[in-house]
Amino acid sequence: MAALKPLLSPFHTHFYQQARYHVWATHRLLDAVMPVADTDYFKNLGLFFKSIHGTLNHLLVAEHLLWYARFSKGASPLLGLDTEVEPNRERLAQALNGGSANWERLIATWPAERFDGQLDYRTMKGVPQLLPFAATLAHVFNHATHHRGQITAALTALGQPSPELDWVYHLQLEAAEAKKA
């Protein structure tokens, strides 16, 4: 894991930590999902987006294709939250792993005052929205945590091991790594 580089503001530090945690948690979750048989992976398990696959696909749509585009380019793609963009589970995992790393780099580029601003975008239905920038960015990471929790519950229900994904666990691991360095 990369050490926290000096940033400009407490917001930078907080969201940079969130982004690093997000990468770590995404990798751990996908590693835990990898051994799940296709029959269970694609099965309707009663999750909001039905299956483990449907929920991971939703994370790709919401986090990377919608929110990342809004934050990085000011773009507002018109996509449904359940649009299947990657039916192949290996490519979906690669896209999620790669996409999670993009947030850390993006956050490091923003000036401190950006966090006090607004995010101006259009909803998936084309309705203009103006929301607090930092709070909306917090939503992106909170949203991912919510759906990772659904998937870990599904793994447990399937009798599969569920990874430890608490943020404090990640912080403890980073602190231990920093002591070694």
N, C-alpha and C. Protein backbone atom coordinates (compact mmCIF):
# COMPACT_ATOMS: atom_id res chain seq x y z
N MET A 1 0.82 -1.18 0.00
CA MET A 1 0.00 0.00 0.00
C MET A 1 0.87 1.24 0.00
N ALA A 2 0.43 2.22 -0.73
CA ALA A 2 1.19 3.46 -0.81
C ALA A 2 1.05 4.24 0.48
N ALA A 3 2.12 4.86 0.90
CA ALA A 3 2.07 5.70 2.09
C ALA A 3 1.31 6.98 1.74
N LEU A 4 0.65 7.53 2.74
CA LEU A 4 -0.10 8.77 2.53
C LEU A 4 0.87 9.88 2.20
N LYS A 5 0.70 10.47 1.03
CA LYS A 5 1.57 11.57 0.65
C LYS A 5 1.04 12.86 1.25
N PRO A 6 1.90 13.84 1.43
CA PRO A 6 1.41 15.11 1.98
C PRO A 6 0.37 15.72 1.05
N LEU A 7 -0.75 16.09 1.61
CA LEU A 7 -1.83 16.69 0.83
C LEU A 7 -2.12 18.08 1.36
N LEU A 8 -3.05 18.74 0.74
CA LEU A 8 -3.28 20.15 1.03
C LEU A 8 -4.26 20.43 2.16
N SER A 9 -5.13 19.52 2.47
CA SER A 9 -6.19 19.84 3.42
C SER A 9 -6.64 18.58 4.15
N PRO A 10 -7.37 18.78 5.26
CA PRO A 10 -7.94 17.61 5.94
C PRO A 10 -8.88 16.81 5.03
N PHE A 11 -9.59 17.48 4.14
CA PHE A 11 -10.45 16.77 3.20
C PHE A 11 -9.63 15.86 2.30
N HIS A 12 -8.52 16.39 1.78
CA HIS A 12 -7.64 15.56 0.96
C HIS A 12 -7.22 14.32 1.73
N THR A 13 -6.76 14.52 2.95
CA THR A 13 -6.28 13.40 3.76
C THR A 13 -7.39 12.39 3.99
N HIS A 14 -8.57 12.86 4.37
CA HIS A 14 -9.69 11.96 4.65
C HIS A 14 -10.09 11.17 3.40
N PHE A 15 -10.30 11.86 2.31
CA PHE A 15 -10.78 11.17 1.12
C PHE A 15 -9.68 10.33 0.46
N TYR A 16 -8.44 10.75 0.61
CA TYR A 16 -7.33 9.94 0.12
C TYR A 16 -7.28 8.63 0.90
N GLN A 17 -7.50 8.70 2.22
CA GLN A 17 -7.58 7.48 3.04
C GLN A 17 -8.76 6.62 2.61
N GLN A 18 -9.89 7.26 2.38
CA GLN A 18 -11.06 6.52 1.92
C GLN A 18 -10.79 5.81 0.59
N ALA A 19 -10.11 6.49 -0.30
CA ALA A 19 -9.82 5.90 -1.61
C ALA A 19 -8.87 4.71 -1.46
N ARG A 20 -7.86 4.84 -0.60
CA ARG A 20 -6.95 3.71 -0.38
C ARG A 20 -7.69 2.53 0.25
N TYR A 21 -8.56 2.82 1.22
CA TYR A 21 -9.38 1.77 1.82
C TYR A 21 -10.26 1.12 0.75
N HIS A 22 -10.82 1.93 -0.11
CA HIS A 22 -11.72 1.44 -1.15
C HIS A 22 -11.00 0.45 -2.07
N VAL A 23 -9.77 0.75 -2.45
CA VAL A 23 -8.98 -0.17 -3.27
C VAL A 23 -8.77 -1.47 -2.52
N TRP A 24 -8.34 -1.37 -1.28
CA TRP A 24 -8.05 -2.54 -0.45
C TRP A 24 -9.30 -3.41 -0.28
N ALA A 25 -10.42 -2.78 0.08
CA ALA A 25 -11.66 -3.53 0.32
C ALA A 25 -12.19 -4.17 -0.97
N THR A 26 -12.06 -3.47 -2.08
CA THR A 26 -12.49 -4.03 -3.36
C THR A 26 -11.68 -5.27 -3.69
N HIS A 27 -10.36 -5.19 -3.55
CA HIS A 27 -9.51 -6.35 -3.82
C HIS A 27 -9.87 -7.52 -2.91
N ARG A 28 -10.03 -7.26 -1.62
CA ARG A 28 -10.35 -8.33 -0.67
C ARG A 28 -11.70 -8.97 -0.99
N LEU A 29 -12.69 -8.16 -1.31
CA LEU A 29 -14.00 -8.70 -1.64
C LEU A 29 -13.93 -9.57 -2.89
N LEU A 30 -13.29 -9.06 -3.92
CA LEU A 30 -13.21 -9.82 -5.17
C LEU A 30 -12.41 -11.11 -4.99
N ASP A 31 -11.39 -11.09 -4.15
CA ASP A 31 -10.66 -12.33 -3.84
C ASP A 31 -11.58 -13.34 -3.16
N ALA A 32 -12.46 -12.86 -2.28
CA ALA A 32 -13.39 -13.75 -1.58
C ALA A 32 -14.47 -14.30 -2.51
N VAL A 33 -14.85 -13.52 -3.51
CA VAL A 33 -15.89 -13.93 -4.45
C VAL A 33 -15.35 -14.91 -5.50
N MET A 34 -14.05 -14.82 -5.78
CA MET A 34 -13.46 -15.63 -6.85
C MET A 34 -13.80 -17.12 -6.77
N PRO A 35 -13.71 -17.78 -5.60
CA PRO A 35 -13.97 -19.22 -5.57
C PRO A 35 -15.46 -19.61 -5.62
N VAL A 36 -16.36 -18.66 -5.58
CA VAL A 36 -17.79 -18.96 -5.61
C VAL A 36 -18.16 -19.55 -6.97
N ALA A 37 -18.85 -20.67 -6.96
CA ALA A 37 -19.28 -21.32 -8.20
C ALA A 37 -20.22 -20.39 -8.98
N ASP A 38 -20.16 -20.49 -10.31
CA ASP A 38 -21.02 -19.66 -11.16
C ASP A 38 -22.50 -19.79 -10.79
N THR A 39 -22.93 -20.99 -10.43
CA THR A 39 -24.35 -21.16 -10.10
C THR A 39 -24.75 -20.29 -8.92
N ASP A 40 -23.87 -20.15 -7.93
CA ASP A 40 -24.16 -19.28 -6.79
C ASP A 40 -23.87 -17.81 -7.10
N TYR A 41 -22.85 -17.55 -7.87
CA TYR A 41 -22.43 -16.19 -8.22
C TYR A 41 -23.53 -15.46 -9.01
N PHE A 42 -24.17 -16.17 -9.92
CA PHE A 42 -25.21 -15.55 -10.76
C PHE A 42 -26.63 -15.75 -10.21
N LYS A 43 -26.78 -16.52 -9.16
CA LYS A 43 -28.10 -16.86 -8.60
C LYS A 43 -28.73 -15.66 -7.88
N ASN A 44 -30.05 -15.55 -8.01
CA ASN A 44 -30.79 -14.51 -7.28
C ASN A 44 -30.76 -14.88 -5.80
N LEU A 45 -30.00 -14.10 -5.04
CA LEU A 45 -29.85 -14.33 -3.61
C LEU A 45 -30.67 -13.36 -2.77
N GLY A 46 -31.55 -12.62 -3.42
CA GLY A 46 -32.40 -11.67 -2.72
C GLY A 46 -31.73 -10.34 -2.44
N LEU A 47 -30.58 -10.07 -3.07
CA LEU A 47 -29.92 -8.78 -2.92
C LEU A 47 -30.69 -7.74 -3.74
N PHE A 48 -30.46 -6.48 -3.46
CA PHE A 48 -31.19 -5.45 -4.19
C PHE A 48 -30.97 -5.58 -5.69
N PHE A 49 -29.74 -5.93 -6.09
CA PHE A 49 -29.45 -6.18 -7.50
C PHE A 49 -29.34 -7.68 -7.76
N LYS A 50 -30.15 -8.42 -7.01
CA LYS A 50 -30.39 -9.86 -7.13
C LYS A 50 -29.20 -10.73 -6.72
N SER A 51 -28.16 -10.77 -7.55
CA SER A 51 -27.06 -11.72 -7.38
C SER A 51 -25.78 -11.00 -6.98
N ILE A 52 -24.77 -11.79 -6.65
CA ILE A 52 -23.45 -11.22 -6.42
C ILE A 52 -23.00 -10.51 -7.70
N HIS A 53 -23.17 -11.17 -8.84
CA HIS A 53 -22.79 -10.56 -10.11
C HIS A 53 -23.56 -9.25 -10.34
N GLY A 54 -24.86 -9.28 -10.14
CA GLY A 54 -25.67 -8.08 -10.35
C GLY A 54 -25.23 -6.94 -9.46
N THR A 55 -24.85 -7.24 -8.23
CA THR A 55 -24.41 -6.20 -7.30
C THR A 55 -23.04 -5.66 -7.69
N LEU A 56 -22.13 -6.54 -8.07
CA LEU A 56 -20.81 -6.07 -8.54
C LEU A 56 -20.95 -5.25 -9.81
N ASN A 57 -21.81 -5.68 -10.73
CA ASN A 57 -22.06 -4.92 -11.96
C ASN A 57 -22.63 -3.54 -11.62
N HIS A 58 -23.55 -3.50 -10.65
CA HIS A 58 -24.11 -2.22 -10.22
C HIS A 58 -23.01 -1.30 -9.69
N LEU A 59 -22.07 -1.86 -8.92
CA LEU A 59 -20.97 -1.04 -8.42
C LEU A 59 -20.15 -0.46 -9.57
N LEU A 60 -19.93 -1.25 -10.60
CA LEU A 60 -19.20 -0.74 -11.76
C LEU A 60 -19.97 0.39 -12.42
N VAL A 61 -21.26 0.20 -12.62
CA VAL A 61 -22.09 1.25 -13.25
C VAL A 61 -22.11 2.51 -12.39
N ALA A 62 -22.50 2.35 -11.13
CA ALA A 62 -22.70 3.53 -10.28
C ALA A 62 -21.40 4.25 -9.95
N GLU A 63 -20.44 3.50 -9.50
CA GLU A 63 -19.21 4.12 -9.02
C GLU A 63 -18.31 4.60 -10.14
N HIS A 64 -18.12 3.79 -11.15
CA HIS A 64 -17.13 4.10 -12.17
C HIS A 64 -17.70 4.78 -13.40
N LEU A 65 -18.85 4.32 -13.86
CA LEU A 65 -19.40 4.90 -15.09
C LEU A 65 -20.23 6.15 -14.83
N LEU A 66 -20.87 6.23 -13.67
CA LEU A 66 -21.67 7.42 -13.35
C LEU A 66 -20.89 8.41 -12.49
N TRP A 67 -20.61 8.03 -11.24
CA TRP A 67 -20.00 9.00 -10.31
C TRP A 67 -18.60 9.42 -10.72
N TYR A 68 -17.78 8.50 -11.14
CA TYR A 68 -16.42 8.89 -11.54
C TYR A 68 -16.48 9.87 -12.71
N ALA A 69 -17.36 9.62 -13.66
CA ALA A 69 -17.51 10.54 -14.81
C ALA A 69 -17.98 11.91 -14.34
N ARG A 70 -18.86 11.93 -13.35
CA ARG A 70 -19.36 13.21 -12.83
C ARG A 70 -18.24 13.99 -12.13
N PHE A 71 -17.47 13.30 -11.32
CA PHE A 71 -16.41 13.97 -10.56
C PHE A 71 -15.19 14.30 -11.42
N SER A 72 -14.84 13.45 -12.36
CA SER A 72 -13.60 13.66 -13.11
C SER A 72 -13.78 14.50 -14.36
N LYS A 73 -14.95 14.40 -15.00
CA LYS A 73 -15.15 15.06 -16.30
C LYS A 73 -16.34 16.00 -16.33
N GLY A 74 -17.14 16.01 -15.28
CA GLY A 74 -18.36 16.79 -15.31
C GLY A 74 -19.40 16.19 -16.24
N ALA A 75 -19.22 14.94 -16.62
CA ALA A 75 -20.14 14.25 -17.53
C ALA A 75 -21.26 13.59 -16.73
N SER A 76 -22.39 13.44 -17.34
CA SER A 76 -23.53 12.78 -16.71
C SER A 76 -24.11 11.73 -17.65
N PRO A 77 -23.48 10.55 -17.67
CA PRO A 77 -24.00 9.49 -18.54
C PRO A 77 -25.43 9.11 -18.19
N LEU A 78 -26.18 8.72 -19.18
CA LEU A 78 -27.55 8.27 -18.97
C LEU A 78 -27.55 6.74 -18.98
N LEU A 79 -27.41 6.16 -17.81
CA LEU A 79 -27.37 4.71 -17.64
C LEU A 79 -28.34 4.31 -16.56
N GLY A 80 -28.91 3.14 -16.69
CA GLY A 80 -29.72 2.59 -15.61
C GLY A 80 -28.81 1.94 -14.58
N LEU A 81 -29.18 1.98 -13.33
CA LEU A 81 -28.34 1.42 -12.26
C LEU A 81 -28.18 -0.08 -12.36
N ASP A 82 -29.07 -0.74 -13.11
CA ASP A 82 -28.97 -2.18 -13.26
C ASP A 82 -28.56 -2.59 -14.68
N THR A 83 -28.08 -1.64 -15.47
CA THR A 83 -27.60 -1.95 -16.81
C THR A 83 -26.41 -2.89 -16.72
N GLU A 84 -26.50 -4.04 -17.36
CA GLU A 84 -25.36 -4.95 -17.32
C GLU A 84 -24.33 -4.49 -18.33
N VAL A 85 -23.19 -4.04 -17.82
CA VAL A 85 -22.14 -3.54 -18.69
C VAL A 85 -21.01 -4.55 -18.88
N GLU A 86 -20.93 -5.54 -18.00
CA GLU A 86 -19.89 -6.56 -18.14
C GLU A 86 -20.41 -7.91 -17.66
N PRO A 87 -20.83 -8.77 -18.59
CA PRO A 87 -21.37 -10.07 -18.20
C PRO A 87 -20.31 -11.09 -17.75
N ASN A 88 -19.05 -10.85 -18.13
CA ASN A 88 -17.98 -11.78 -17.79
C ASN A 88 -17.42 -11.45 -16.40
N ARG A 89 -17.46 -12.39 -15.49
CA ARG A 89 -17.08 -12.11 -14.10
C ARG A 89 -15.61 -11.75 -13.94
N GLU A 90 -14.72 -12.33 -14.72
CA GLU A 90 -13.29 -11.99 -14.61
C GLU A 90 -13.03 -10.56 -15.10
N ARG A 91 -13.64 -10.22 -16.22
CA ARG A 91 -13.46 -8.84 -16.74
C ARG A 91 -14.14 -7.83 -15.81
N LEU A 92 -15.25 -8.21 -15.21
CA LEU A 92 -15.92 -7.33 -14.25
C LEU A 92 -15.01 -7.07 -13.06
N ALA A 93 -14.38 -8.11 -12.54
CA ALA A 93 -13.46 -7.95 -11.41
C ALA A 93 -12.28 -7.06 -11.81
N GLN A 94 -11.74 -7.25 -12.99
CA GLN A 94 -10.64 -6.41 -13.45
C GLN A 94 -11.07 -4.95 -13.54
N ALA A 95 -12.25 -4.71 -14.07
CA ALA A 95 -12.76 -3.33 -14.20
C ALA A 95 -12.97 -2.70 -12.83
N LEU A 96 -13.49 -3.46 -11.89
CA LEU A 96 -13.70 -2.92 -10.54
C LEU A 96 -12.37 -2.63 -9.85
N ASN A 97 -11.41 -3.54 -9.97
CA ASN A 97 -10.10 -3.31 -9.36
C ASN A 97 -9.41 -2.09 -9.97
N GLY A 98 -9.43 -2.01 -11.29
CA GLY A 98 -8.81 -0.87 -11.96
C GLY A 98 -9.52 0.43 -11.66
N GLY A 99 -10.82 0.39 -11.68
CA GLY A 99 -11.60 1.60 -11.43
C GLY A 99 -11.44 2.13 -10.02
N SER A 100 -11.31 1.24 -9.05
CA SER A 100 -11.17 1.70 -7.66
C SER A 100 -9.88 2.50 -7.49
N ALA A 101 -8.83 2.15 -8.21
CA ALA A 101 -7.56 2.86 -8.11
C ALA A 101 -7.64 4.27 -8.69
N ASN A 102 -8.57 4.51 -9.60
CA ASN A 102 -8.68 5.83 -10.22
C ASN A 102 -9.04 6.92 -9.23
N TRP A 103 -9.80 6.58 -8.20
CA TRP A 103 -10.25 7.59 -7.24
C TRP A 103 -9.08 8.21 -6.48
N GLU A 104 -8.14 7.41 -6.07
CA GLU A 104 -6.99 7.91 -5.31
C GLU A 104 -6.22 8.95 -6.13
N ARG A 105 -5.97 8.63 -7.38
CA ARG A 105 -5.24 9.57 -8.24
C ARG A 105 -6.05 10.85 -8.48
N LEU A 106 -7.34 10.71 -8.69
CA LEU A 106 -8.19 11.87 -8.94
C LEU A 106 -8.22 12.81 -7.73
N ILE A 107 -8.43 12.25 -6.56
CA ILE A 107 -8.53 13.06 -5.34
C ILE A 107 -7.25 13.86 -5.11
N ALA A 108 -6.11 13.27 -5.40
CA ALA A 108 -4.83 13.95 -5.20
C ALA A 108 -4.67 15.16 -6.12
N THR A 109 -5.44 15.24 -7.20
CA THR A 109 -5.30 16.36 -8.15
C THR A 109 -6.15 17.57 -7.78
N TRP A 110 -7.11 17.41 -6.88
CA TRP A 110 -8.02 18.51 -6.59
C TRP A 110 -7.42 19.53 -5.64
N PRO A 111 -7.66 20.81 -5.89
CA PRO A 111 -7.24 21.83 -4.93
C PRO A 111 -8.14 21.77 -3.69
N ALA A 112 -7.62 22.21 -2.56
CA ALA A 112 -8.35 22.13 -1.29
C ALA A 112 -9.73 22.78 -1.37
N GLU A 113 -9.85 23.88 -2.06
CA GLU A 113 -11.13 24.60 -2.11
C GLU A 113 -12.20 23.82 -2.87
N ARG A 114 -11.80 22.84 -3.67
CA ARG A 114 -12.78 22.04 -4.42
C ARG A 114 -13.73 21.31 -3.49
N PHE A 115 -13.22 20.87 -2.34
CA PHE A 115 -14.03 20.12 -1.38
C PHE A 115 -15.12 20.96 -0.74
N ASP A 116 -14.93 22.27 -0.72
CA ASP A 116 -15.94 23.17 -0.16
C ASP A 116 -16.97 23.60 -1.20
N GLY A 117 -16.79 23.17 -2.43
CA GLY A 117 -17.67 23.58 -3.52
C GLY A 117 -18.88 22.68 -3.69
N GLN A 118 -19.42 22.76 -4.88
CA GLN A 118 -20.62 22.01 -5.24
C GLN A 118 -20.29 21.07 -6.41
N LEU A 119 -21.06 20.01 -6.51
CA LEU A 119 -20.97 19.13 -7.67
C LEU A 119 -22.22 19.38 -8.50
N ASP A 120 -22.01 19.86 -9.70
CA ASP A 120 -23.09 20.19 -10.62
C ASP A 120 -23.15 19.06 -11.66
N TYR A 121 -24.25 18.34 -11.70
CA TYR A 121 -24.37 17.22 -12.62
C TYR A 121 -25.84 17.01 -12.97
N ARG A 122 -26.09 16.06 -13.83
CA ARG A 122 -27.46 15.67 -14.20
C ARG A 122 -27.68 14.24 -13.73
N THR A 123 -28.89 13.98 -13.24
CA THR A 123 -29.22 12.63 -12.82
C THR A 123 -29.31 11.73 -14.05
N MET A 124 -29.55 10.46 -13.82
CA MET A 124 -29.68 9.51 -14.92
C MET A 124 -30.89 9.81 -15.79
N LYS A 125 -31.81 10.61 -15.26
CA LYS A 125 -32.99 11.01 -16.03
C LYS A 125 -32.82 12.40 -16.63
N GLY A 126 -31.63 12.98 -16.48
CA GLY A 126 -31.35 14.28 -17.07
C GLY A 126 -31.74 15.47 -16.22
N VAL A 127 -32.12 15.26 -14.98
CA VAL A 127 -32.53 16.36 -14.09
C VAL A 127 -31.29 17.02 -13.49
N PRO A 128 -31.15 18.34 -13.61
CA PRO A 128 -29.99 19.02 -13.03
C PRO A 128 -29.95 18.89 -11.51
N GLN A 129 -28.73 18.68 -10.98
CA GLN A 129 -28.53 18.59 -9.53
C GLN A 129 -27.32 19.42 -9.15
N LEU A 130 -27.39 20.03 -7.98
CA LEU A 130 -26.27 20.77 -7.42
C LEU A 130 -26.18 20.34 -5.95
N LEU A 131 -25.15 19.57 -5.62
CA LEU A 131 -25.00 19.01 -4.28
C LEU A 131 -23.64 19.37 -3.70
N PRO A 132 -23.51 19.35 -2.36
CA PRO A 132 -22.21 19.62 -1.75
C PRO A 132 -21.17 18.60 -2.24
N PHE A 133 -20.05 19.09 -2.70
CA PHE A 133 -19.02 18.26 -3.31
C PHE A 133 -18.52 17.18 -2.36
N ALA A 134 -18.04 17.57 -1.17
CA ALA A 134 -17.45 16.60 -0.24
C ALA A 134 -18.48 15.58 0.24
N ALA A 135 -19.67 16.01 0.54
CA ALA A 135 -20.71 15.09 1.01
C ALA A 135 -21.09 14.10 -0.08
N THR A 136 -21.11 14.55 -1.32
CA THR A 136 -21.46 13.66 -2.42
C THR A 136 -20.33 12.67 -2.69
N LEU A 137 -19.09 13.11 -2.54
CA LEU A 137 -17.96 12.19 -2.66
C LEU A 137 -18.02 11.15 -1.54
N ALA A 138 -18.39 11.57 -0.34
CA ALA A 138 -18.55 10.62 0.77
C ALA A 138 -19.61 9.58 0.42
N HIS A 139 -20.67 10.01 -0.27
CA HIS A 139 -21.70 9.08 -0.72
C HIS A 139 -21.12 7.96 -1.58
N VAL A 140 -20.21 8.30 -2.48
CA VAL A 140 -19.64 7.31 -3.40
C VAL A 140 -18.99 6.18 -2.59
N PHE A 141 -18.18 6.55 -1.61
CA PHE A 141 -17.49 5.53 -0.81
C PHE A 141 -18.45 4.81 0.12
N ASN A 142 -19.42 5.53 0.68
CA ASN A 142 -20.41 4.90 1.54
C ASN A 142 -21.27 3.90 0.75
N HIS A 143 -21.62 4.26 -0.44
CA HIS A 143 -22.41 3.41 -1.33
C HIS A 143 -21.69 2.09 -1.58
N ALA A 144 -20.40 2.17 -1.88
CA ALA A 144 -19.62 0.96 -2.13
C ALA A 144 -19.56 0.08 -0.88
N THR A 145 -19.40 0.71 0.28
CA THR A 145 -19.36 -0.04 1.53
C THR A 145 -20.69 -0.77 1.76
N HIS A 146 -21.78 -0.10 1.48
CA HIS A 146 -23.11 -0.69 1.63
C HIS A 146 -23.23 -1.97 0.79
N HIS A 147 -22.87 -1.88 -0.47
CA HIS A 147 -23.02 -3.04 -1.35
C HIS A 147 -21.99 -4.13 -1.06
N ARG A 148 -20.79 -3.75 -0.62
CA ARG A 148 -19.84 -4.79 -0.20
C ARG A 148 -20.41 -5.56 0.98
N GLY A 149 -21.10 -4.86 1.87
CA GLY A 149 -21.75 -5.52 3.01
C GLY A 149 -22.81 -6.51 2.56
N GLN A 150 -23.58 -6.14 1.54
CA GLN A 150 -24.58 -7.07 1.02
C GLN A 150 -23.92 -8.33 0.47
N ILE A 151 -22.82 -8.14 -0.24
CA ILE A 151 -22.14 -9.29 -0.84
C ILE A 151 -21.52 -10.16 0.24
N THR A 152 -20.94 -9.56 1.28
CA THR A 152 -20.36 -10.39 2.34
C THR A 152 -21.45 -11.17 3.07
N ALA A 153 -22.62 -10.59 3.23
CA ALA A 153 -23.73 -11.33 3.84
C ALA A 153 -24.15 -12.49 2.93
N ALA A 154 -24.16 -12.27 1.63
CA ALA A 154 -24.49 -13.34 0.68
C ALA A 154 -23.44 -14.45 0.74
N LEU A 155 -22.17 -14.08 0.84
CA LEU A 155 -21.12 -15.09 0.97
C LEU A 155 -21.34 -15.94 2.21
N THR A 156 -21.65 -15.29 3.32
CA THR A 156 -21.90 -16.02 4.57
C THR A 156 -23.09 -16.96 4.40
N ALA A 157 -24.16 -16.49 3.79
CA ALA A 157 -25.35 -17.32 3.58
C ALA A 157 -25.05 -18.52 2.68
N LEU A 158 -24.08 -18.36 1.78
CA LEU A 158 -23.69 -19.46 0.89
C LEU A 158 -22.69 -20.41 1.55
N GLY A 159 -22.31 -20.11 2.80
CA GLY A 159 -21.34 -20.95 3.50
C GLY A 159 -19.91 -20.68 3.07
N GLN A 160 -19.69 -19.55 2.42
CA GLN A 160 -18.35 -19.16 1.97
C GLN A 160 -17.70 -18.27 3.03
N PRO A 161 -16.37 -18.25 3.07
CA PRO A 161 -15.70 -17.31 3.98
C PRO A 161 -15.97 -15.87 3.55
N SER A 162 -16.11 -15.02 4.53
CA SER A 162 -16.36 -13.61 4.27
C SER A 162 -15.15 -12.81 4.74
N PRO A 163 -14.64 -11.91 3.92
CA PRO A 163 -13.45 -11.16 4.31
C PRO A 163 -13.75 -10.10 5.37
N GLU A 164 -12.76 -9.79 6.17
CA GLU A 164 -12.84 -8.68 7.12
C GLU A 164 -12.62 -7.40 6.31
N LEU A 165 -13.62 -6.52 6.33
CA LEU A 165 -13.54 -5.31 5.51
C LEU A 165 -13.68 -4.02 6.31
N ASP A 166 -13.65 -4.09 7.62
CA ASP A 166 -13.79 -2.86 8.41
C ASP A 166 -12.65 -1.88 8.09
N TRP A 167 -13.02 -0.62 7.98
CA TRP A 167 -12.03 0.41 7.67
C TRP A 167 -10.96 0.47 8.74
N VAL A 168 -11.34 0.30 9.99
CA VAL A 168 -10.35 0.37 11.07
C VAL A 168 -9.32 -0.76 10.93
N TYR A 169 -9.73 -1.89 10.43
CA TYR A 169 -8.80 -2.99 10.18
C TYR A 169 -7.77 -2.56 9.14
N HIS A 170 -8.24 -1.91 8.11
CA HIS A 170 -7.34 -1.39 7.08
C HIS A 170 -6.38 -0.37 7.67
N LEU A 171 -6.88 0.54 8.49
CA LEU A 171 -6.02 1.54 9.13
C LEU A 171 -4.96 0.88 10.01
N GLN A 172 -5.36 -0.17 10.73
CA GLN A 172 -4.41 -0.90 11.57
C GLN A 172 -3.32 -1.55 10.72
N LEU A 173 -3.70 -2.13 9.60
CA LEU A 173 -2.72 -2.74 8.71
C LEU A 173 -1.75 -1.70 8.16
N GLU A 174 -2.27 -0.54 7.79
CA GLU A 174 -1.40 0.53 7.29
C GLU A 174 -0.44 1.02 8.37
N ALA A 175 -0.94 1.13 9.60
CA ALA A 175 -0.09 1.57 10.71
C ALA A 175 1.02 0.56 10.96
N ALA A 176 0.68 -0.71 10.91
CA ALA A 176 1.70 -1.76 11.11
C ALA A 176 2.73 -1.73 9.99
N GLU A 177 2.30 -1.51 8.76
CA GLU A 177 3.22 -1.42 7.63
C GLU A 177 4.13 -0.21 7.76
N ALA A 178 3.58 0.90 8.25
CA ALA A 178 4.38 2.12 8.42
C ALA A 178 5.46 1.91 9.49
N LYS A 179 5.15 1.13 10.52
CA LYS A 179 6.15 0.85 11.57
C LYS A 179 7.29 0.02 11.02
N LYS A 180 6.98 -0.89 10.09
CA LYS A 180 8.02 -1.74 9.50
C LYS A 180 8.95 -0.94 8.61
N ALA A 181 8.40 0.08 7.96
CA ALA A 181 9.18 0.85 6.98
C ALA A 181 10.19 1.79 7.60
